[in-house]
């Protein structure tokens, strides 16, 4: 991912692109505590098992592990607490309708800082079957082989 001006990527969920077909992506702000922000700046976050859920018209990020800040005191945060995401109400309602469709889920792709504010990139994704994953791996292997052959023939 090319670094844009004012954007610092903290963590990416590479497994999401392997396990899901990405239909659409959205950007949302995050409501965080002070020690969470400091831990994010150190890059101590794991997105692998994370997902987003819509509850009572609000969007929450679940099962994203942000490690406790090393120099935090007793007011340090819970690493797996649900974190509220900030999006416009219309976008949340649109997402709610799509998530109710069969097979769609909201998966975090990356967490980054944009002009000093923590943001999460959410994807509206549909799960891949095992044969889809194999097909993707075969296609990537073939592309590598072709690229290798083209380099060697020069």
C-alpha atoms as a PDB file:
ATOM      1  CA  UNK A   1       0.000   0.000   0.000  1.00  0.00           C
ATOM      2  CA  UNK A   2       1.485   3.292  -1.064  1.00  0.00           C
ATOM      3  CA  UNK A   3       1.891   5.741   1.803  1.00  0.00           C
ATOM      4  CA  UNK A   4      -0.275   8.796   1.190  1.00  0.00           C
ATOM      5  CA  UNK A   5       0.425  12.135   2.768  1.00  0.00           C
ATOM      6  CA  UNK A   6      -0.772  12.217   6.377  1.00  0.00           C
ATOM      7  CA  UNK A   7      -1.577   8.486   6.535  1.00  0.00           C
ATOM      8  CA  UNK A   8       0.360   6.004   8.670  1.00  0.00           C
ATOM      9  CA  UNK A   9      -0.767   2.363   8.423  1.00  0.00           C
ATOM     10  CA  UNK A  10      -0.573   0.612  11.802  1.00  0.00           C
ATOM     11  CA  UNK A  11      -1.870  -2.891  10.999  1.00  0.00           C
ATOM     12  CA  UNK A  12      -3.294  -4.811   8.044  1.00  0.00           C
ATOM     13  CA  UNK A  13      -5.470  -7.897   7.923  1.00  0.00           C
ATOM     14  CA  UNK A  14      -3.932  -9.877   5.060  1.00  0.00           C
ATOM     15  CA  UNK A  15      -5.898 -12.980   6.007  1.00  0.00           C
ATOM     16  CA  UNK A  16      -9.153 -11.162   5.171  1.00  0.00           C
ATOM     17  CA  UNK A  17      -8.300 -10.954   1.466  1.00  0.00           C
ATOM     18  CA  UNK A  18      -7.523 -14.675   1.501  1.00  0.00           C
ATOM     19  CA  UNK A  19     -10.705 -15.721   3.329  1.00  0.00           C
ATOM     20  CA  UNK A  20     -13.256 -13.310   1.793  1.00  0.00           C
ATOM     21  CA  UNK A  21     -14.377 -11.766  -1.474  1.00  0.00           C
ATOM     22  CA  UNK A  22     -14.202  -8.002  -0.817  1.00  0.00           C
ATOM     23  CA  UNK A  23     -17.335  -6.355  -2.238  1.00  0.00           C
ATOM     24  CA  UNK A  24     -16.916  -2.807  -0.924  1.00  0.00           C
ATOM     25  CA  UNK A  25     -14.804  -0.954   1.630  1.00  0.00           C
ATOM     26  CA  UNK A  26     -15.630   1.844   4.049  1.00  0.00           C
ATOM     27  CA  UNK A  27     -13.672   4.139   6.358  1.00  0.00           C
ATOM     28  CA  UNK A  28     -14.763   4.638   9.960  1.00  0.00           C
ATOM     29  CA  UNK A  29     -13.363   6.561  12.892  1.00  0.00           C
ATOM     30  CA  UNK A  30     -12.670   4.790  16.178  1.00  0.00           C
ATOM     31  CA  UNK A  31     -13.600   5.776  19.742  1.00  0.00           C
ATOM     32  CA  UNK A  32     -10.494   4.916  21.786  1.00  0.00           C
ATOM     33  CA  UNK A  33      -9.042   5.481  25.241  1.00  0.00           C
ATOM     34  CA  UNK A  34      -5.686   7.235  25.672  1.00  0.00           C
ATOM     35  CA  UNK A  35      -3.689   4.078  26.362  1.00  0.00           C
ATOM     36  CA  UNK A  36      -5.226   2.417  23.287  1.00  0.00           C
ATOM     37  CA  UNK A  37      -4.024   5.256  21.082  1.00  0.00           C
ATOM     38  CA  UNK A  38      -0.504   4.970  22.501  1.00  0.00           C
ATOM     39  CA  UNK A  39      -0.489   1.189  21.976  1.00  0.00           C
ATOM     40  CA  UNK A  40      -1.718   1.699  18.391  1.00  0.00           C
ATOM     41  CA  UNK A  41       1.088   4.155  17.710  1.00  0.00           C
ATOM     42  CA  UNK A  42       3.507   1.413  18.807  1.00  0.00           C
ATOM     43  CA  UNK A  43       1.784  -0.982  16.371  1.00  0.00           C
ATOM     44  CA  UNK A  44       0.583  -3.431  19.021  1.00  0.00           C
ATOM     45  CA  UNK A  45      -2.677  -4.533  17.407  1.00  0.00           C
ATOM     46  CA  UNK A  46      -3.981  -7.807  15.953  1.00  0.00           C
ATOM     47  CA  UNK A  47      -6.829  -7.710  13.409  1.00  0.00           C
ATOM     48  CA  UNK A  48      -6.866 -11.388  12.477  1.00  0.00           C
ATOM     49  CA  UNK A  49     -10.035 -12.457  14.311  1.00  0.00           C
ATOM     50  CA  UNK A  50     -11.773  -9.091  14.214  1.00  0.00           C
ATOM     51  CA  UNK A  51     -15.187  -8.269  12.815  1.00  0.00           C
ATOM     52  CA  UNK A  52     -17.727  -5.451  13.038  1.00  0.00           C
ATOM     53  CA  UNK A  53     -21.271  -5.745  14.331  1.00  0.00           C
ATOM     54  CA  UNK A  54     -24.241  -3.386  14.136  1.00  0.00           C
ATOM     55  CA  UNK A  55     -26.086  -3.145  17.460  1.00  0.00           C
ATOM     56  CA  UNK A  56     -28.960  -0.716  18.109  1.00  0.00           C
ATOM     57  CA  UNK A  57     -28.070   1.378  15.062  1.00  0.00           C
ATOM     58  CA  UNK A  58     -24.434   1.743  16.159  1.00  0.00           C
ATOM     59  CA  UNK A  59     -21.340   0.064  14.721  1.00  0.00           C
ATOM     60  CA  UNK A  60     -18.878  -1.793  16.975  1.00  0.00           C
ATOM     61  CA  UNK A  61     -15.507  -3.390  16.286  1.00  0.00           C
ATOM     62  CA  UNK A  62     -15.280  -6.754  18.043  1.00  0.00           C
ATOM     63  CA  UNK A  63     -12.389  -9.136  18.865  1.00  0.00           C
ATOM     64  CA  UNK A  64      -9.614  -6.781  17.762  1.00  0.00           C
ATOM     65  CA  UNK A  65      -6.742  -7.177  20.211  1.00  0.00           C
ATOM     66  CA  UNK A  66      -4.937  -3.959  21.143  1.00  0.00           C
ATOM     67  CA  UNK A  67      -2.220  -4.872  23.634  1.00  0.00           C
ATOM     68  CA  UNK A  68      -2.074  -2.932  26.907  1.00  0.00           C
ATOM     69  CA  UNK A  69       0.247   0.063  26.836  1.00  0.00           C
ATOM     70  CA  UNK A  70       3.556  -0.822  28.508  1.00  0.00           C
ATOM     71  CA  UNK A  71       3.725   2.378  30.582  1.00  0.00           C
ATOM     72  CA  UNK A  72       0.022   2.499  31.380  1.00  0.00           C
ATOM     73  CA  UNK A  73      -1.058   2.449  35.001  1.00  0.00           C
ATOM     74  CA  UNK A  74      -4.124   0.863  36.579  1.00  0.00           C
ATOM     75  CA  UNK A  75      -6.352   2.756  34.132  1.00  0.00           C
ATOM     76  CA  UNK A  76      -4.998   0.656  31.245  1.00  0.00           C
ATOM     77  CA  UNK A  77      -7.614  -0.635  28.795  1.00  0.00           C
ATOM     78  CA  UNK A  78      -9.086  -4.123  28.299  1.00  0.00           C
ATOM     79  CA  UNK A  79      -7.351  -5.580  25.193  1.00  0.00           C
ATOM     80  CA  UNK A  80     -10.470  -7.172  23.632  1.00  0.00           C
ATOM     81  CA  UNK A  81     -13.153  -4.647  24.544  1.00  0.00           C
ATOM     82  CA  UNK A  82     -15.716  -3.719  21.858  1.00  0.00           C
ATOM     83  CA  UNK A  83     -14.832  -0.369  20.297  1.00  0.00           C
ATOM     84  CA  UNK A  84     -17.421   1.974  18.869  1.00  0.00           C
ATOM     85  CA  UNK A  85     -16.922   3.004  15.245  1.00  0.00           C
ATOM     86  CA  UNK A  86     -17.995   6.370  13.883  1.00  0.00           C
ATOM     87  CA  UNK A  87     -19.871   6.490  10.580  1.00  0.00           C
ATOM     88  CA  UNK A  88     -22.787   8.482   9.216  1.00  0.00           C
ATOM     89  CA  UNK A  89     -26.207   7.065  10.102  1.00  0.00           C
ATOM     90  CA  UNK A  90     -27.155   6.572   6.461  1.00  0.00           C
ATOM     91  CA  UNK A  91     -24.050   4.494   5.813  1.00  0.00           C
ATOM     92  CA  UNK A  92     -24.751   2.350   8.882  1.00  0.00           C
ATOM     93  CA  UNK A  93     -28.335   1.714   7.737  1.00  0.00           C
ATOM     94  CA  UNK A  94     -27.121   0.814   4.248  1.00  0.00           C
ATOM     95  CA  UNK A  95     -24.592  -1.595   5.760  1.00  0.00           C
ATOM     96  CA  UNK A  96     -27.261  -3.070   8.034  1.00  0.00           C
ATOM     97  CA  UNK A  97     -29.380  -3.950   5.004  1.00  0.00           C
ATOM     98  CA  UNK A  98     -26.455  -5.564   3.198  1.00  0.00           C
ATOM     99  CA  UNK A  99     -25.213  -7.513   6.244  1.00  0.00           C
ATOM    100  CA  UNK A 100     -28.677  -9.049   6.637  1.00  0.00           C
ATOM    101  CA  UNK A 101     -28.213 -10.592   3.176  1.00  0.00           C
ATOM    102  CA  UNK A 102     -26.953 -14.136   3.227  1.00  0.00           C
ATOM    103  CA  UNK A 103     -23.197 -14.524   3.595  1.00  0.00           C
ATOM    104  CA  UNK A 104     -22.142 -10.891   4.024  1.00  0.00           C
ATOM    105  CA  UNK A 105     -20.076  -9.731   6.997  1.00  0.00           C
ATOM    106  CA  UNK A 106     -18.055  -6.678   8.028  1.00  0.00           C
ATOM    107  CA  UNK A 107     -14.320  -7.368   8.324  1.00  0.00           C
ATOM    108  CA  UNK A 108     -11.567  -4.882   9.263  1.00  0.00           C
ATOM    109  CA  UNK A 109      -8.890  -4.603   6.556  1.00  0.00           C
ATOM    110  CA  UNK A 110      -6.530  -2.152   8.226  1.00  0.00           C
ATOM    111  CA  UNK A 111      -6.100   0.338  11.042  1.00  0.00           C
ATOM    112  CA  UNK A 112      -4.272   3.563  10.305  1.00  0.00           C
ATOM    113  CA  UNK A 113      -3.810   7.143  11.419  1.00  0.00           C
ATOM    114  CA  UNK A 114      -5.107   9.794   9.054  1.00  0.00           C
ATOM    115  CA  UNK A 115      -3.978  13.292  10.053  1.00  0.00           C
ATOM    116  CA  UNK A 116      -3.593  12.140  13.670  1.00  0.00           C
ATOM    117  CA  UNK A 117      -6.958  10.381  13.969  1.00  0.00           C
ATOM    118  CA  UNK A 118      -7.319   6.596  14.268  1.00  0.00           C
ATOM    119  CA  UNK A 119      -9.344   5.101  11.419  1.00  0.00           C
ATOM    120  CA  UNK A 120     -10.321   1.584  10.445  1.00  0.00           C
ATOM    121  CA  UNK A 121     -10.957   0.377   6.909  1.00  0.00           C
ATOM    122  CA  UNK A 122     -13.964  -1.976   6.935  1.00  0.00           C
ATOM    123  CA  UNK A 123     -14.867  -4.324   4.115  1.00  0.00           C
ATOM    124  CA  UNK A 124     -18.260  -5.670   3.205  1.00  0.00           C
ATOM    125  CA  UNK A 125     -17.153  -9.211   2.483  1.00  0.00           C
ATOM    126  CA  UNK A 126     -18.567 -12.561   1.446  1.00  0.00           C
ATOM    127  CA  UNK A 127     -16.867 -15.738   2.660  1.00  0.00           C
ATOM    128  CA  UNK A 128     -14.851 -17.857   0.242  1.00  0.00           C
ATOM    129  CA  UNK A 129     -15.313 -21.589  -0.030  1.00  0.00           C
ATOM    130  CA  UNK A 130     -12.289 -23.889   0.112  1.00  0.00           C
ATOM    131  CA  UNK A 131     -12.303 -24.398  -3.660  1.00  0.00           C
ATOM    132  CA  UNK A 132     -12.296 -20.608  -4.197  1.00  0.00           C
ATOM    133  CA  UNK A 133      -9.182 -20.290  -2.019  1.00  0.00           C
ATOM    134  CA  UNK A 134      -7.446 -23.062  -3.975  1.00  0.00           C
ATOM    135  CA  UNK A 135      -8.364 -21.387  -7.250  1.00  0.00           C
ATOM    136  CA  UNK A 136      -6.917 -18.078  -6.033  1.00  0.00           C
ATOM    137  CA  UNK A 137      -3.666 -19.774  -4.978  1.00  0.00           C
ATOM    138  CA  UNK A 138      -3.393 -21.534  -8.362  1.00  0.00           C
ATOM    139  CA  UNK A 139      -3.967 -18.268 -10.229  1.00  0.00           C
ATOM    140  CA  UNK A 140      -1.285 -16.481  -8.177  1.00  0.00           C
ATOM    141  CA  UNK A 141       1.176 -19.340  -8.758  1.00  0.00           C
ATOM    142  CA  UNK A 142       0.525 -19.204 -12.520  1.00  0.00           C
ATOM    143  CA  UNK A 143       1.035 -15.422 -12.569  1.00  0.00           C
ATOM    144  CA  UNK A 144       4.348 -15.835 -10.722  1.00  0.00           C
ATOM    145  CA  UNK A 145       5.441 -18.526 -13.163  1.00  0.00           C
ATOM    146  CA  UNK A 146       4.619 -16.325 -16.178  1.00  0.00           C
ATOM    147  CA  UNK A 147       6.439 -13.366 -14.623  1.00  0.00           C
ATOM    148  CA  UNK A 148       9.482 -15.543 -13.871  1.00  0.00           C
ATOM    149  CA  UNK A 149       9.481 -16.872 -17.436  1.00  0.00           C
ATOM    150  CA  UNK A 150       9.254 -13.344 -18.887  1.00  0.00           C
ATOM    151  CA  UNK A 151      12.193 -12.184 -16.746  1.00  0.00           C
ATOM    152  CA  UNK A 152      14.351 -15.122 -17.783  1.00  0.00           C
ATOM    153  CA  UNK A 153      13.612 -14.685 -21.520  1.00  0.00           C
ATOM    154  CA  UNK A 154      14.897 -11.093 -21.584  1.00  0.00           C
END
